[in-house]
Protein backbone atom coordinates (compact mmCIF):
# COMPACT_ATOMS: atom_id res chain seq x y z
CA MET A 1 -39.06 2.38 -84.63
CA ALA A 2 -40.49 4.11 -81.69
CA ARG A 3 -38.74 4.14 -78.13
CA LEU A 4 -40.03 3.27 -75.20
CA PRO A 5 -39.88 5.58 -72.32
CA ARG A 6 -37.26 4.69 -70.39
CA ARG A 7 -38.21 3.52 -66.61
CA ARG A 8 -36.24 5.45 -63.74
CA ARG A 9 -34.98 3.63 -61.06
CA GLN A 10 -36.47 4.79 -58.00
CA ARG A 11 -33.95 4.16 -54.89
CA ARG A 12 -35.93 2.49 -52.15
CA ARG A 13 -34.82 3.46 -48.59
CA ALA A 14 -34.31 0.48 -46.12
CA ARG A 15 -37.19 0.91 -43.64
CA CYS A 16 -36.84 0.99 -39.85
CA PRO A 17 -39.02 -1.25 -38.10
CA ARG A 18 -41.96 0.99 -36.38
CA ASN A 19 -41.50 2.13 -32.98
CA THR A 20 -37.81 2.14 -32.64
CA ASN A 21 -34.84 4.74 -32.47
CA ALA A 22 -33.06 2.55 -35.37
CA SER A 23 -32.13 4.24 -38.17
CA ALA A 24 -31.93 2.44 -41.57
CA ARG A 25 -28.05 2.06 -41.28
CA SER A 26 -28.24 0.47 -37.79
CA ILE A 27 -30.55 -2.00 -38.06
CA ARG A 28 -28.89 -5.15 -36.82
CA MET A 29 -30.91 -8.44 -37.58
CA THR A 30 -31.39 -11.19 -35.09
CA TRP A 31 -31.95 -14.94 -35.71
CA TYR A 32 -33.08 -16.81 -32.42
CA GLY A 33 -34.12 -20.32 -31.25
CA GLU A 34 -34.15 -22.28 -27.74
CA HIS A 35 -35.00 -24.98 -25.66
CA THR A 36 -36.15 -25.34 -22.26
CA LEU A 37 -36.64 -28.16 -19.83
CA THR A 38 -37.35 -28.55 -16.11
CA THR A 39 -35.17 -30.90 -13.96
CA THR A 40 -34.82 -31.75 -10.46
CA ALA A 41 -30.78 -31.65 -10.80
CA ALA A 42 -29.05 -29.09 -8.38
CA ALA A 43 -28.16 -25.92 -9.89
CA GLU A 44 -24.63 -26.24 -8.59
CA ALA A 45 -24.39 -29.87 -10.80
CA ILE A 46 -25.55 -27.75 -13.70
CA TRP A 47 -23.61 -24.99 -13.35
CA TYR A 48 -20.47 -27.63 -13.01
CA ARG A 49 -21.30 -28.97 -16.53
CA TRP A 50 -21.76 -25.56 -17.91
CA THR A 51 -18.48 -24.08 -16.86
CA THR A 52 -16.20 -27.35 -16.95
CA LEU A 53 -15.28 -27.64 -20.35
CA SER A 54 -14.12 -31.16 -20.53
CA THR A 55 -17.72 -32.20 -19.97
CA TRP A 56 -18.97 -30.18 -22.92
CA SER A 57 -18.40 -33.31 -25.27
CA GLU A 58 -20.45 -35.72 -22.94
CA ASP A 59 -23.50 -33.52 -23.02
CA ASP A 60 -23.03 -31.97 -26.85
CA PRO A 61 -22.81 -35.16 -29.39
CA GLU A 62 -21.83 -32.25 -31.89
CA CYS A 63 -18.98 -31.23 -29.74
CA GLN A 64 -15.86 -33.34 -30.23
CA TRP A 65 -13.73 -30.99 -27.64
CA ALA A 66 -13.62 -27.67 -25.92
CA ARG A 67 -10.33 -26.14 -24.37
CA MET A 68 -9.10 -23.17 -22.82
CA ASP A 69 -6.05 -22.20 -20.66
CA GLY A 70 -7.16 -20.83 -17.29
CA PRO A 71 -10.10 -20.36 -15.18
CA VAL A 72 -13.56 -19.48 -16.75
CA VAL A 73 -14.21 -15.81 -16.21
CA VAL A 74 -15.93 -13.22 -18.38
CA GLY A 75 -13.06 -12.24 -21.11
CA ALA A 76 -11.70 -15.78 -21.11
CA THR A 77 -11.32 -17.45 -24.30
CA GLY A 78 -11.23 -20.85 -25.40
CA THR A 79 -11.09 -23.14 -28.42
CA LEU A 80 -14.27 -25.42 -29.63
CA LYS A 81 -14.02 -28.24 -32.06
CA SER A 82 -17.43 -29.17 -33.21
CA LYS A 83 -18.41 -31.55 -36.67
CA GLY A 84 -17.49 -28.37 -38.22
CA PRO A 85 -14.30 -26.18 -38.11
CA LYS A 86 -12.62 -25.28 -34.88
CA SER A 87 -13.89 -22.06 -33.35
CA THR A 88 -12.77 -19.57 -30.81
CA PHE A 89 -15.55 -18.48 -28.13
CA THR A 90 -15.30 -15.71 -25.33
CA PHE A 91 -17.19 -15.98 -22.23
CA THR A 92 -19.26 -12.69 -21.95
CA GLU A 93 -21.58 -13.10 -19.21
CA LEU A 94 -21.13 -15.40 -15.97
CA GLU A 95 -23.45 -15.43 -13.05
CA PRO A 96 -22.92 -18.66 -10.86
CA ASN A 97 -25.68 -21.14 -10.79
CA ARG A 98 -27.77 -18.52 -12.92
CA ARG A 99 -26.57 -17.72 -16.17
CA MET A 100 -23.73 -18.49 -18.76
CA VAL A 101 -23.18 -16.86 -21.85
CA PHE A 102 -20.52 -17.51 -24.44
CA GLU A 103 -20.12 -16.03 -27.84
CA ILE A 104 -18.13 -16.92 -31.49
CA LYS A 105 -17.20 -14.49 -33.92
CA LEU A 106 -18.42 -15.14 -37.24
CA PRO A 107 -17.82 -13.21 -40.57
CA LEU A 108 -20.38 -10.30 -39.89
CA ALA A 109 -22.00 -12.03 -37.29
CA THR A 110 -21.79 -12.98 -33.75
CA LEU A 111 -23.68 -16.41 -32.59
CA ARG A 112 -24.23 -15.96 -28.69
CA LEU A 113 -25.18 -19.19 -26.97
CA PRO A 114 -26.79 -18.11 -23.48
CA HIS A 115 -27.64 -20.50 -20.73
CA ASN A 116 -30.20 -19.80 -18.12
CA MET A 117 -31.46 -21.44 -14.92
CA ILE A 118 -34.05 -20.30 -12.72
CA GLU A 119 -34.96 -22.59 -9.46
CA SER A 120 -38.30 -22.75 -8.53
CA ALA A 121 -40.51 -25.26 -6.20
CA ASP A 122 -40.56 -27.61 -9.27
CA GLY A 123 -36.99 -28.05 -9.63
CA VAL A 124 -34.83 -25.92 -11.87
CA THR A 125 -35.73 -24.52 -15.32
CA LEU A 126 -33.02 -24.97 -17.54
CA THR A 127 -32.73 -23.14 -21.09
CA HIS A 128 -30.25 -23.14 -23.81
CA ALA A 129 -30.35 -20.84 -26.48
CA VAL A 130 -28.55 -19.91 -29.79
CA GLU A 131 -28.84 -15.90 -31.00
CA ILE A 132 -27.49 -14.56 -33.67
CA THR A 133 -26.91 -10.93 -34.56
CA GLY A 134 -25.50 -8.68 -37.21
CA PRO A 135 -26.10 -8.38 -40.92
CA LEU A 136 -25.62 -11.93 -42.07
CA ALA A 137 -27.89 -13.15 -38.89
CA GLY A 138 -30.35 -14.69 -41.38
CA LEU A 139 -27.82 -16.40 -43.66
CA TRP A 140 -25.67 -17.78 -40.64
CA GLY A 141 -29.05 -18.75 -39.25
CA ALA A 142 -29.76 -21.19 -42.00
CA LEU A 143 -26.08 -22.57 -42.18
CA VAL A 144 -25.52 -23.10 -38.50
CA GLY A 145 -28.16 -21.96 -36.21
CA ARG A 146 -30.96 -24.11 -37.26
CA GLY A 147 -28.55 -27.31 -36.95
CA VAL A 148 -27.69 -26.19 -33.55
CA VAL A 149 -31.27 -25.47 -32.41
CA ARG A 150 -32.36 -28.91 -33.68
CA GLY A 151 -29.55 -30.57 -31.12
CA LEU A 152 -30.67 -28.31 -28.50
CA PRO A 153 -33.32 -30.81 -26.71
CA GLU A 154 -30.70 -33.62 -26.90
CA VAL A 155 -28.12 -31.45 -25.22
CA VAL A 156 -30.29 -29.63 -22.44
CA ALA A 157 -31.50 -33.31 -21.84
CA ASN A 158 -27.72 -34.59 -21.61
CA VAL A 159 -26.74 -31.83 -19.19
CA ALA A 160 -29.88 -32.33 -16.84
CA THR A 161 -29.42 -36.42 -16.75
CA ASN A 162 -25.36 -35.98 -16.11
CA ALA A 163 -26.21 -33.43 -13.51
CA LEU A 164 -28.48 -35.76 -11.99
CA GLU A 165 -26.25 -38.53 -12.08
CA GLN A 166 -23.28 -36.43 -10.76
CA GLY A 167 -25.34 -34.87 -7.84
CA SER A 168 -26.19 -38.55 -6.76
CA LEU A 169 -22.72 -39.52 -6.90
CA ARG A 170 -21.76 -36.73 -4.77
CA THR A 171 -24.29 -37.85 -2.41
CA THR A 172 -23.04 -41.42 -2.70
CA GLN A 173 -19.51 -40.55 -2.00
CA ARG A 174 -20.28 -38.14 0.96
CA LYS A 175 -22.44 -40.98 2.67
CA GLU A 176 -19.56 -43.67 2.28
CA HIS A 177 -17.00 -41.55 4.31
C-alpha cells in the first residue's frame, strides 16, 4: 500500500490591520453600538439622571437597581443589578453636563458605557453607547452587547422624557415659591 505524502502544517501568523502600529500580540478587538437622540431637555437635568443612581431603574427597564457608597467621582465604584447577575462598575470619565463613562470588567474584556451630550441650537444631542474591548469582545458583544444596544433607543428616550418632566417640575416649583 502506497503512503500518501504528509501535509506539513503551516503556522499562520495573526495578521495586523494595515496602517497601524499594533503587533499581532497586542491586537485588541472592539465591539461597538450606540443610539443618539436630540431633545429640548436641559443638560443639567440629563446630567442629574446620569449621575443619580436611583433614577437608573426608572430610565432603563433592564436595570433593577444601582447603588454606590459616596459621591459620583472618577474612580468611584458601585453595584448594578440588571436582569443578569450583579455587576461592579467604575466611573472612569466625568465632565459635568457633557460626558459620563462607566465600565464593567468582564472575563477577558471590558464593557464601557459612554454617555455624551452636545448642546446646540436644536437642543441637546444625547448619545448612549456600548463599547466592549478585549480578546473576547466579539463573544461578549454577542452575549451581552446586542441586547444592551437593542434597549438603547428606549433608555435614551426615557432619559430625555424624564429629564424634560424633571425640568418642568423644577420650573413649576420655582414659580410657586
